[in-house]
Structures are given as C-alpha cells and as structure tokens.
Amino acid sequence: MAVDREQVLRAAAGLLSRKSTATMDEVARAAGIGRATLHRHFAGREALVRALEEMGIQELEAAIDAAALDEGQADDAVRRLVAEVEPLGPLLSFLVSENQLFEGDQQNEGWARLDARVSRLFRHGQEQGVFRIDLTPAWLTEAFYGLVGAGAWAVQDGRVAAKEFQYMIVELLLGGARRSVEK
C-alpha cells in the first residue's frame, strides 16, 4: 500500500498541534502507519518538523495571496488575512513554538518572505493613517502570529468557540493597532 506523504503530514500536523511533545510512535499511529514506514519518509522528528515547516510556509503564502493584502484599506486586509489563516492556526501555533526552526543559520528563508509581506501590510496601514505609527510593522507582525497561535490553542482547548476565532483576533489586533482619531 502506497503511503500518501501529504496525508501523513496532515495527520502529524493535527496531532502535533494538539500535543507538541508527541513521539514518532504517536505520529505514526495518528497517520495510520507503522513507525518504520514513518521513518522511511522522515528520518526523525527534526525531518518531520522541517517537512511540516515547508508545508506551513507554502500554505501561509497561499493564504496571504488569497487575502489580497494590497487591495483596499489595510484594516480590511487584516480581516481577510485572519479569515484566510484561520484553518492554518493550529499548524502555525505549533511551528512558531518550535525553537529549532528559528535558531542558527538553518532558518528557512520562507519565514523572512512571510514576515516581509505581513509587515508590508502594517506599514501600508500606517501610511494610510489607519494604524498607529508608534508600533513597528515588525512588532505588529509578531503580534499577529502570536494572536493566531493563541487563538488556535484556545479553540482547540475548548476555552473559546471556533466561531469566535476571527472576531477575537481581529478586534484585539485592530483595537490595539488602530490609530485613534484626535477629537
């Protein structure tokens, strides 16, 4: 029986986003394959995490493309981005907490591309006069990732209703980022 690599990655993402310390045995069980089969595809946990990273970067790039960040007002673009990223929330929350992905010279250049695109959105919003200028685009980008990750964990743990994910993130992020109009 042929093993679908993407199906194995999706099963691993599902498990690891709920239990980041899962063993390779647990990942294999979640994917419905044996440990030896899993190791034929991924030499170890690091190889599996790197493959998940690549998948996550590709999917986040697709979400950013779909959100059309350069169109219209920046706050509307943030709303579209959060909506597009919602299905990736659990995977992103796992990936951004994996320190090995961000240490040393082995960092995937995809993260820098993604950061630049999201930061550009916040910079554009500042130029439009929509977002505060005392918060750097880099910080707003990190806040965005942090809120998506925290929202995903809260939904998975049942502390927050899934239907509230977009609202919570958009309102908190934009409420803090939006420039107040002086009266």
N, C-alpha and C. Protein backbone atom coordinates (compact mmCIF):
# COMPACT_ATOMS: atom_id res chain seq x y z
N MET A 1 0.85 -1.17 0.00
CA MET A 1 0.00 0.00 0.00
C MET A 1 0.89 1.24 0.00
N ALA A 2 0.65 2.14 -0.94
CA ALA A 2 1.42 3.38 -1.03
C ALA A 2 0.97 4.35 0.05
N VAL A 3 1.94 5.03 0.64
CA VAL A 3 1.65 5.99 1.69
C VAL A 3 1.66 7.39 1.07
N ASP A 4 0.58 8.12 1.30
CA ASP A 4 0.46 9.50 0.82
C ASP A 4 1.20 10.41 1.80
N ARG A 5 2.32 10.96 1.35
CA ARG A 5 3.16 11.80 2.21
C ARG A 5 2.38 12.99 2.78
N GLU A 6 1.56 13.62 1.94
CA GLU A 6 0.79 14.77 2.43
C GLU A 6 -0.21 14.36 3.49
N GLN A 7 -0.82 13.19 3.31
CA GLN A 7 -1.76 12.69 4.32
C GLN A 7 -1.04 12.44 5.65
N VAL A 8 0.18 11.91 5.58
CA VAL A 8 0.97 11.69 6.80
C VAL A 8 1.30 13.02 7.46
N LEU A 9 1.68 14.02 6.64
CA LEU A 9 1.99 15.35 7.19
C LEU A 9 0.75 15.97 7.84
N ARG A 10 -0.39 15.83 7.23
CA ARG A 10 -1.63 16.40 7.80
C ARG A 10 -1.97 15.73 9.13
N ALA A 11 -1.79 14.41 9.18
CA ALA A 11 -2.05 13.70 10.44
C ALA A 11 -1.05 14.14 11.51
N ALA A 12 0.20 14.30 11.12
CA ALA A 12 1.23 14.76 12.07
C ALA A 12 0.91 16.18 12.54
N ALA A 13 0.51 17.03 11.62
CA ALA A 13 0.17 18.41 11.98
C ALA A 13 -1.00 18.43 12.96
N GLY A 14 -2.00 17.59 12.68
CA GLY A 14 -3.15 17.53 13.57
C GLY A 14 -2.77 17.10 14.97
N LEU A 15 -1.92 16.09 15.07
CA LEU A 15 -1.50 15.60 16.38
C LEU A 15 -0.57 16.60 17.07
N LEU A 16 0.46 17.03 16.37
CA LEU A 16 1.47 17.90 16.99
C LEU A 16 0.90 19.27 17.36
N SER A 17 -0.13 19.71 16.67
CA SER A 17 -0.73 21.00 17.04
C SER A 17 -1.55 20.87 18.32
N ARG A 18 -1.93 19.63 18.67
CA ARG A 18 -2.63 19.41 19.93
C ARG A 18 -1.68 18.94 21.03
N LYS A 19 -0.63 18.22 20.62
CA LYS A 19 0.32 17.66 21.58
C LYS A 19 1.72 17.80 20.98
N SER A 20 2.36 18.92 21.24
CA SER A 20 3.65 19.22 20.60
C SER A 20 4.76 18.26 20.99
N THR A 21 4.59 17.54 22.08
CA THR A 21 5.61 16.60 22.54
C THR A 21 5.36 15.17 22.08
N ALA A 22 4.43 14.98 21.16
CA ALA A 22 4.10 13.63 20.69
C ALA A 22 5.35 12.94 20.13
N THR A 23 5.44 11.66 20.38
CA THR A 23 6.57 10.86 19.89
C THR A 23 6.33 10.46 18.44
N MET A 24 7.37 9.97 17.80
CA MET A 24 7.24 9.47 16.43
C MET A 24 6.27 8.28 16.40
N ASP A 25 6.25 7.45 17.44
CA ASP A 25 5.29 6.34 17.52
C ASP A 25 3.86 6.88 17.50
N GLU A 26 3.62 7.94 18.26
CA GLU A 26 2.28 8.53 18.30
C GLU A 26 1.91 9.15 16.95
N VAL A 27 2.88 9.77 16.30
CA VAL A 27 2.63 10.35 14.98
C VAL A 27 2.28 9.24 13.99
N ALA A 28 3.03 8.15 14.03
CA ALA A 28 2.76 7.03 13.13
C ALA A 28 1.35 6.48 13.36
N ARG A 29 0.97 6.31 14.63
CA ARG A 29 -0.38 5.82 14.93
C ARG A 29 -1.44 6.79 14.40
N ALA A 30 -1.22 8.07 14.61
CA ALA A 30 -2.19 9.08 14.14
C ALA A 30 -2.33 9.04 12.62
N ALA A 31 -1.24 8.74 11.93
CA ALA A 31 -1.26 8.67 10.47
C ALA A 31 -1.75 7.32 9.96
N GLY A 32 -1.93 6.36 10.87
CA GLY A 32 -2.41 5.04 10.47
C GLY A 32 -1.35 4.21 9.77
N ILE A 33 -0.09 4.44 10.13
CA ILE A 33 1.01 3.69 9.54
C ILE A 33 1.93 3.20 10.65
N GLY A 34 2.84 2.33 10.31
CA GLY A 34 3.81 1.84 11.27
C GLY A 34 4.96 2.83 11.44
N ARG A 35 5.66 2.66 12.54
CA ARG A 35 6.79 3.55 12.81
C ARG A 35 7.87 3.42 11.73
N ALA A 36 8.12 2.23 11.28
CA ALA A 36 9.14 2.01 10.24
C ALA A 36 8.77 2.74 8.96
N THR A 37 7.49 2.72 8.60
CA THR A 37 7.03 3.44 7.41
C THR A 37 7.22 4.93 7.60
N LEU A 38 6.89 5.43 8.76
CA LEU A 38 7.08 6.86 9.05
C LEU A 38 8.56 7.23 8.91
N HIS A 39 9.44 6.39 9.42
CA HIS A 39 10.88 6.67 9.35
C HIS A 39 11.44 6.55 7.93
N ARG A 40 10.78 5.80 7.07
CA ARG A 40 11.21 5.78 5.66
C ARG A 40 10.94 7.13 4.99
N HIS A 41 9.90 7.81 5.44
CA HIS A 41 9.55 9.12 4.87
C HIS A 41 10.25 10.27 5.58
N PHE A 42 10.46 10.11 6.90
CA PHE A 42 11.07 11.17 7.71
C PHE A 42 12.05 10.50 8.67
N ALA A 43 13.33 10.78 8.48
CA ALA A 43 14.38 10.10 9.23
C ALA A 43 14.23 10.25 10.74
N GLY A 44 13.61 11.30 11.18
CA GLY A 44 13.42 11.54 12.61
C GLY A 44 12.50 12.72 12.81
N ARG A 45 12.35 13.11 14.05
CA ARG A 45 11.45 14.21 14.39
C ARG A 45 11.86 15.51 13.69
N GLU A 46 13.15 15.80 13.64
CA GLU A 46 13.58 17.04 13.01
C GLU A 46 13.19 17.07 11.53
N ALA A 47 13.36 15.98 10.83
CA ALA A 47 12.98 15.92 9.42
C ALA A 47 11.47 16.10 9.26
N LEU A 48 10.71 15.51 10.16
CA LEU A 48 9.25 15.66 10.12
C LEU A 48 8.86 17.12 10.37
N VAL A 49 9.46 17.73 11.36
CA VAL A 49 9.14 19.13 11.68
C VAL A 49 9.54 20.04 10.52
N ARG A 50 10.67 19.77 9.89
CA ARG A 50 11.09 20.58 8.73
C ARG A 50 10.11 20.42 7.57
N ALA A 51 9.60 19.21 7.37
CA ALA A 51 8.61 19.00 6.30
C ALA A 51 7.31 19.73 6.64
N LEU A 52 6.92 19.72 7.91
CA LEU A 52 5.73 20.47 8.34
C LEU A 52 5.96 21.97 8.16
N GLU A 53 7.17 22.41 8.43
CA GLU A 53 7.51 23.82 8.25
C GLU A 53 7.32 24.22 6.78
N GLU A 54 7.84 23.41 5.88
CA GLU A 54 7.72 23.72 4.46
C GLU A 54 6.25 23.76 4.04
N MET A 55 5.48 22.80 4.51
CA MET A 55 4.05 22.78 4.20
C MET A 55 3.36 24.02 4.77
N GLY A 56 3.70 24.37 6.01
CA GLY A 56 3.09 25.54 6.64
C GLY A 56 3.43 26.83 5.92
N ILE A 57 4.67 26.98 5.50
CA ILE A 57 5.09 28.18 4.77
C ILE A 57 4.34 28.28 3.45
N GLN A 58 4.24 27.17 2.73
CA GLN A 58 3.51 27.18 1.46
C GLN A 58 2.05 27.55 1.67
N GLU A 59 1.43 26.99 2.69
CA GLU A 59 0.02 27.26 2.93
C GLU A 59 -0.20 28.69 3.41
N LEU A 60 0.72 29.20 4.21
CA LEU A 60 0.59 30.59 4.66
C LEU A 60 0.79 31.56 3.49
N GLU A 61 1.72 31.24 2.60
CA GLU A 61 1.90 32.08 1.41
C GLU A 61 0.62 32.08 0.56
N ALA A 62 -0.01 30.93 0.43
CA ALA A 62 -1.26 30.86 -0.33
C ALA A 62 -2.36 31.66 0.36
N ALA A 63 -2.41 31.61 1.68
CA ALA A 63 -3.41 32.39 2.43
C ALA A 63 -3.18 33.88 2.25
N ILE A 64 -1.92 34.30 2.27
CA ILE A 64 -1.60 35.71 2.08
C ILE A 64 -2.00 36.14 0.67
N ASP A 65 -1.71 35.30 -0.32
CA ASP A 65 -2.12 35.60 -1.69
C ASP A 65 -3.64 35.76 -1.77
N ALA A 66 -4.37 34.82 -1.18
CA ALA A 66 -5.83 34.85 -1.23
C ALA A 66 -6.40 36.07 -0.51
N ALA A 67 -5.72 36.56 0.50
CA ALA A 67 -6.21 37.71 1.27
C ALA A 67 -6.03 39.03 0.52
N ALA A 68 -5.29 39.04 -0.57
CA ALA A 68 -5.09 40.25 -1.39
C ALA A 68 -4.75 41.46 -0.51
N LEU A 69 -3.62 41.37 0.16
CA LEU A 69 -3.24 42.37 1.15
C LEU A 69 -3.06 43.78 0.59
N ASP A 70 -2.80 43.89 -0.70
CA ASP A 70 -2.57 45.21 -1.30
C ASP A 70 -3.86 45.91 -1.72
N GLU A 71 -4.99 45.25 -1.57
CA GLU A 71 -6.25 45.83 -2.02
C GLU A 71 -7.00 46.51 -0.88
N GLY A 72 -7.49 47.71 -1.13
CA GLY A 72 -8.35 48.41 -0.18
C GLY A 72 -7.63 48.89 1.06
N GLN A 73 -8.42 49.16 2.07
CA GLN A 73 -7.90 49.63 3.35
C GLN A 73 -7.17 48.52 4.09
N ALA A 74 -6.12 48.86 4.78
CA ALA A 74 -5.30 47.87 5.47
C ALA A 74 -6.07 47.13 6.55
N ASP A 75 -6.99 47.80 7.25
CA ASP A 75 -7.73 47.08 8.29
C ASP A 75 -8.64 46.01 7.68
N ASP A 76 -9.20 46.29 6.49
CA ASP A 76 -9.98 45.27 5.80
C ASP A 76 -9.09 44.11 5.35
N ALA A 77 -7.88 44.42 4.93
CA ALA A 77 -6.93 43.39 4.52
C ALA A 77 -6.56 42.50 5.71
N VAL A 78 -6.43 43.08 6.90
CA VAL A 78 -6.15 42.29 8.10
C VAL A 78 -7.30 41.33 8.35
N ARG A 79 -8.53 41.80 8.21
CA ARG A 79 -9.69 40.92 8.39
C ARG A 79 -9.65 39.75 7.40
N ARG A 80 -9.34 40.05 6.14
CA ARG A 80 -9.26 38.99 5.14
C ARG A 80 -8.14 38.01 5.48
N LEU A 81 -7.01 38.55 5.93
CA LEU A 81 -5.87 37.69 6.27
C LEU A 81 -6.21 36.75 7.41
N VAL A 82 -6.83 37.26 8.45
CA VAL A 82 -7.21 36.41 9.58
C VAL A 82 -8.17 35.31 9.12
N ALA A 83 -9.11 35.65 8.26
CA ALA A 83 -10.06 34.65 7.75
C ALA A 83 -9.33 33.57 6.95
N GLU A 84 -8.37 33.97 6.13
CA GLU A 84 -7.64 33.00 5.31
C GLU A 84 -6.70 32.13 6.15
N VAL A 85 -6.19 32.68 7.23
CA VAL A 85 -5.21 31.97 8.06
C VAL A 85 -5.88 31.06 9.08
N GLU A 86 -7.13 31.29 9.36
CA GLU A 86 -7.82 30.51 10.40
C GLU A 86 -7.61 29.01 10.28
N PRO A 87 -7.78 28.39 9.10
CA PRO A 87 -7.58 26.94 9.02
C PRO A 87 -6.14 26.51 9.33
N LEU A 88 -5.19 27.42 9.20
CA LEU A 88 -3.78 27.10 9.46
C LEU A 88 -3.38 27.37 10.91
N GLY A 89 -4.27 27.94 11.69
CA GLY A 89 -3.96 28.35 13.06
C GLY A 89 -3.26 27.29 13.89
N PRO A 90 -3.83 26.08 13.98
CA PRO A 90 -3.17 25.06 14.81
C PRO A 90 -1.76 24.72 14.32
N LEU A 91 -1.58 24.57 13.02
CA LEU A 91 -0.24 24.26 12.49
C LEU A 91 0.71 25.41 12.77
N LEU A 92 0.27 26.64 12.54
CA LEU A 92 1.14 27.79 12.80
C LEU A 92 1.49 27.90 14.27
N SER A 93 0.54 27.62 15.15
CA SER A 93 0.85 27.71 16.58
C SER A 93 1.91 26.70 16.96
N PHE A 94 1.88 25.53 16.34
CA PHE A 94 2.92 24.52 16.59
C PHE A 94 4.25 25.00 16.02
N LEU A 95 4.26 25.45 14.77
CA LEU A 95 5.51 25.82 14.11
C LEU A 95 6.21 26.98 14.80
N VAL A 96 5.46 28.02 15.16
CA VAL A 96 6.13 29.18 15.76
C VAL A 96 6.66 28.89 17.16
N SER A 97 6.21 27.78 17.75
CA SER A 97 6.75 27.42 19.07
C SER A 97 7.91 26.43 18.98
N GLU A 98 8.26 26.01 17.78
CA GLU A 98 9.37 25.07 17.58
C GLU A 98 10.67 25.86 17.44
N ASN A 99 11.36 26.03 18.54
CA ASN A 99 12.59 26.84 18.56
C ASN A 99 13.61 26.40 17.53
N GLN A 100 13.71 25.11 17.26
CA GLN A 100 14.72 24.61 16.33
C GLN A 100 14.56 25.23 14.95
N LEU A 101 13.37 25.71 14.61
CA LEU A 101 13.15 26.30 13.30
C LEU A 101 13.72 27.70 13.19
N PHE A 102 14.02 28.31 14.32
CA PHE A 102 14.43 29.72 14.31
C PHE A 102 15.81 29.96 14.91
N GLU A 103 16.55 28.90 15.13
CA GLU A 103 17.89 29.04 15.71
C GLU A 103 18.95 28.79 14.65
N GLY A 104 20.04 29.52 14.76
CA GLY A 104 21.19 29.29 13.87
C GLY A 104 20.94 29.72 12.45
N ASP A 105 21.79 29.18 11.56
CA ASP A 105 21.71 29.59 10.15
C ASP A 105 20.78 28.69 9.34
N GLN A 106 20.11 27.77 9.97
CA GLN A 106 19.25 26.84 9.25
C GLN A 106 17.82 27.35 9.11
N GLN A 107 17.60 28.63 9.42
CA GLN A 107 16.23 29.15 9.33
C GLN A 107 15.78 29.20 7.88
N ASN A 108 14.60 28.70 7.63
CA ASN A 108 14.02 28.68 6.29
C ASN A 108 13.74 30.11 5.84
N GLU A 109 14.22 30.45 4.65
CA GLU A 109 14.04 31.81 4.12
C GLU A 109 12.57 32.16 3.91
N GLY A 110 11.71 31.15 3.87
CA GLY A 110 10.28 31.39 3.71
C GLY A 110 9.70 32.24 4.81
N TRP A 111 10.22 32.08 6.05
CA TRP A 111 9.71 32.89 7.16
C TRP A 111 10.00 34.37 6.92
N ALA A 112 11.17 34.68 6.41
CA ALA A 112 11.51 36.09 6.14
C ALA A 112 10.59 36.65 5.05
N ARG A 113 10.28 35.85 4.03
CA ARG A 113 9.36 36.30 2.97
C ARG A 113 7.98 36.58 3.56
N LEU A 114 7.50 35.67 4.39
CA LEU A 114 6.18 35.84 5.00
C LEU A 114 6.16 37.07 5.90
N ASP A 115 7.18 37.19 6.74
CA ASP A 115 7.26 38.35 7.63
C ASP A 115 7.26 39.65 6.85
N ALA A 116 7.99 39.68 5.75
CA ALA A 116 8.07 40.91 4.94
C ALA A 116 6.70 41.25 4.36
N ARG A 117 5.96 40.26 3.92
CA ARG A 117 4.65 40.52 3.34
C ARG A 117 3.66 41.03 4.38
N VAL A 118 3.65 40.42 5.55
CA VAL A 118 2.72 40.85 6.60
C VAL A 118 3.15 42.22 7.13
N SER A 119 4.44 42.42 7.32
CA SER A 119 4.94 43.73 7.77
C SER A 119 4.58 44.83 6.78
N ARG A 120 4.67 44.51 5.50
CA ARG A 120 4.31 45.48 4.47
C ARG A 120 2.85 45.91 4.61
N LEU A 121 1.98 44.97 4.98
CA LEU A 121 0.57 45.30 5.22
C LEU A 121 0.45 46.32 6.34
N PHE A 122 1.15 46.08 7.44
CA PHE A 122 1.06 47.01 8.56
C PHE A 122 1.69 48.36 8.23
N ARG A 123 2.78 48.36 7.50
CA ARG A 123 3.41 49.62 7.08
C ARG A 123 2.45 50.39 6.17
N HIS A 124 1.80 49.68 5.27
CA HIS A 124 0.82 50.30 4.37
C HIS A 124 -0.31 50.94 5.19
N GLY A 125 -0.76 50.23 6.22
CA GLY A 125 -1.80 50.77 7.09
C GLY A 125 -1.35 52.01 7.83
N GLN A 126 -0.08 52.05 8.20
CA GLN A 126 0.46 53.26 8.83
C GLN A 126 0.49 54.42 7.83
N GLU A 127 0.89 54.11 6.62
CA GLU A 127 0.93 55.15 5.58
C GLU A 127 -0.46 55.66 5.25
N GLN A 128 -1.47 54.80 5.35
CA GLN A 128 -2.85 55.20 5.11
C GLN A 128 -3.42 56.00 6.27
N GLY A 129 -2.71 56.01 7.39
CA GLY A 129 -3.21 56.69 8.59
C GLY A 129 -4.19 55.85 9.38
N VAL A 130 -4.24 54.55 9.08
CA VAL A 130 -5.18 53.64 9.75
C VAL A 130 -4.57 53.06 11.02
N PHE A 131 -3.28 52.75 10.99
CA PHE A 131 -2.62 52.11 12.12
C PHE A 131 -1.67 53.08 12.82
N ARG A 132 -1.49 52.84 14.08
CA ARG A 132 -0.57 53.63 14.91
C ARG A 132 0.85 53.56 14.35
N ILE A 133 1.55 54.67 14.45
CA ILE A 133 2.93 54.69 13.96
C ILE A 133 3.94 54.44 15.07
N ASP A 134 3.48 54.38 16.32
CA ASP A 134 4.41 54.12 17.42
C ASP A 134 4.66 52.63 17.63
N LEU A 135 3.96 51.78 16.90
CA LEU A 135 4.18 50.33 16.93
C LEU A 135 4.80 49.94 15.59
N THR A 136 5.94 49.31 15.61
CA THR A 136 6.62 48.99 14.35
C THR A 136 5.86 47.90 13.60
N PRO A 137 5.97 47.91 12.27
CA PRO A 137 5.36 46.83 11.49
C PRO A 137 5.88 45.45 11.91
N ALA A 138 7.15 45.37 12.29
CA ALA A 138 7.71 44.10 12.74
C ALA A 138 6.99 43.61 14.00
N TRP A 139 6.74 44.52 14.94
CA TRP A 139 6.04 44.14 16.17
C TRP A 139 4.60 43.74 15.87
N LEU A 140 3.93 44.48 15.01
CA LEU A 140 2.55 44.14 14.66
C LEU A 140 2.48 42.77 13.97
N THR A 141 3.50 42.45 13.19
CA THR A 141 3.58 41.14 12.54
C THR A 141 3.71 40.05 13.60
N GLU A 142 4.60 40.23 14.55
CA GLU A 142 4.76 39.25 15.63
C GLU A 142 3.48 39.12 16.44
N ALA A 143 2.81 40.25 16.71
CA ALA A 143 1.55 40.21 17.44
C ALA A 143 0.50 39.41 16.67
N PHE A 144 0.47 39.60 15.36
CA PHE A 144 -0.46 38.85 14.52
C PHE A 144 -0.23 37.35 14.68
N TYR A 145 1.03 36.91 14.50
CA TYR A 145 1.34 35.48 14.65
C TYR A 145 0.97 34.98 16.05
N GLY A 146 1.31 35.76 17.04
CA GLY A 146 1.02 35.37 18.42
C GLY A 146 -0.47 35.21 18.68
N LEU A 147 -1.27 36.14 18.17
CA LEU A 147 -2.71 36.05 18.37
C LEU A 147 -3.31 34.87 17.61
N VAL A 148 -2.83 34.61 16.41
CA VAL A 148 -3.33 33.45 15.65
C VAL A 148 -3.01 32.17 16.42
N GLY A 149 -1.78 32.06 16.91
CA GLY A 149 -1.40 30.87 17.67
C GLY A 149 -2.20 30.71 18.95
N ALA A 150 -2.33 31.81 19.70
CA ALA A 150 -3.09 31.75 20.96
C ALA A 150 -4.56 31.44 20.69
N GLY A 151 -5.10 32.03 19.64
CA GLY A 151 -6.50 31.76 19.30
C GLY A 151 -6.71 30.30 18.93
N ALA A 152 -5.77 29.76 18.17
CA ALA A 152 -5.88 28.35 17.77
C ALA A 152 -5.85 27.43 18.99
N TRP A 153 -4.93 27.71 19.93
CA TRP A 153 -4.86 26.89 21.14
C TRP A 153 -6.13 27.02 21.97
N ALA A 154 -6.65 28.23 22.09
CA ALA A 154 -7.86 28.44 22.89
C ALA A 154 -9.05 27.70 22.29
N VAL A 155 -9.16 27.70 20.97
CA VAL A 155 -10.25 26.97 20.31
C VAL A 155 -10.06 25.47 20.50
N GLN A 156 -8.83 24.98 20.28
CA GLN A 156 -8.58 23.54 20.43
C GLN A 156 -8.86 23.05 21.85
N ASP A 157 -8.54 23.88 22.84
CA ASP A 157 -8.77 23.50 24.23
C ASP A 157 -10.22 23.66 24.65
N GLY A 158 -11.05 24.23 23.78
CA GLY A 158 -12.45 24.42 24.10
C GLY A 158 -12.72 25.61 25.00
N ARG A 159 -11.72 26.47 25.19
CA ARG A 159 -11.92 27.65 26.03
C ARG A 159 -12.61 28.77 25.27
N VAL A 160 -12.61 28.66 23.95
CA VAL A 160 -13.20 29.67 23.09
C VAL A 160 -13.94 28.94 21.96
N ALA A 161 -15.08 29.46 21.58
CA ALA A 161 -15.83 28.86 20.48
C ALA A 161 -15.12 29.12 19.16
N ALA A 162 -15.08 28.12 18.29
CA ALA A 162 -14.40 28.25 17.00
C ALA A 162 -14.95 29.42 16.19
N LYS A 163 -16.25 29.66 16.30
CA LYS A 163 -16.85 30.75 15.52
C LYS A 163 -16.37 32.12 15.98
N GLU A 164 -15.72 32.21 17.14
CA GLU A 164 -15.23 33.47 17.68
C GLU A 164 -13.77 33.76 17.28
N PHE A 165 -13.09 32.80 16.66
CA PHE A 165 -11.67 32.92 16.34
C PHE A 165 -11.37 34.22 15.59
N GLN A 166 -12.00 34.43 14.46
CA GLN A 166 -11.71 35.61 13.64
C GLN A 166 -12.04 36.89 14.39
N TYR A 167 -13.20 36.95 15.01
CA TYR A 167 -13.62 38.15 15.72
C TYR A 167 -12.62 38.53 16.81
N MET A 168 -12.24 37.55 17.63
CA MET A 168 -11.33 37.82 18.75
C MET A 168 -10.00 38.39 18.27
N ILE A 169 -9.43 37.75 17.25
CA ILE A 169 -8.12 38.17 16.77
C ILE A 169 -8.20 39.54 16.11
N VAL A 170 -9.16 39.72 15.23
CA VAL A 170 -9.29 40.99 14.52
C VAL A 170 -9.54 42.13 15.50
N GLU A 171 -10.47 41.94 16.43
CA GLU A 171 -10.81 43.03 17.36
C GLU A 171 -9.64 43.39 18.27
N LEU A 172 -8.94 42.39 18.77
CA LEU A 172 -7.82 42.69 19.65
C LEU A 172 -6.66 43.31 18.88
N LEU A 173 -6.34 42.73 17.74
CA LEU A 173 -5.23 43.25 16.94
C LEU A 173 -5.54 44.65 16.44
N LEU A 174 -6.68 44.82 15.80
CA LEU A 174 -7.00 46.14 15.26
C LEU A 174 -7.31 47.14 16.36
N GLY A 175 -7.90 46.69 17.44
CA GLY A 175 -8.16 47.60 18.56
C GLY A 175 -6.89 48.18 19.13
N GLY A 176 -5.84 47.38 19.13
CA GLY A 176 -4.55 47.86 19.64
C GLY A 176 -3.73 48.56 18.59
N ALA A 177 -3.92 48.20 17.32
CA ALA A 177 -3.11 48.76 16.24
C ALA A 177 -3.73 50.01 15.61
N ARG A 178 -5.04 50.10 15.69
CA ARG A 178 -5.73 51.19 15.01
C ARG A 178 -5.38 52.54 15.63
N ARG A 179 -5.15 53.45 14.78
CA ARG A 179 -4.82 54.82 15.21
C ARG A 179 -6.08 55.50 15.65
N SER A 180 -6.07 56.08 16.85
CA SER A 180 -7.26 56.78 17.33
C SER A 180 -7.29 58.18 16.73
N VAL A 181 -8.47 58.62 16.41
CA VAL A 181 -8.64 59.95 15.82
C VAL A 181 -8.76 60.95 16.95
N GLU A 182 -7.90 61.95 16.91
CA GLU A 182 -7.91 63.00 17.93
C GLU A 182 -9.18 63.84 17.78
N LYS A 183 -9.81 64.18 18.88
CA LYS A 183 -11.03 65.00 18.82
C LYS A 183 -10.73 66.43 19.15
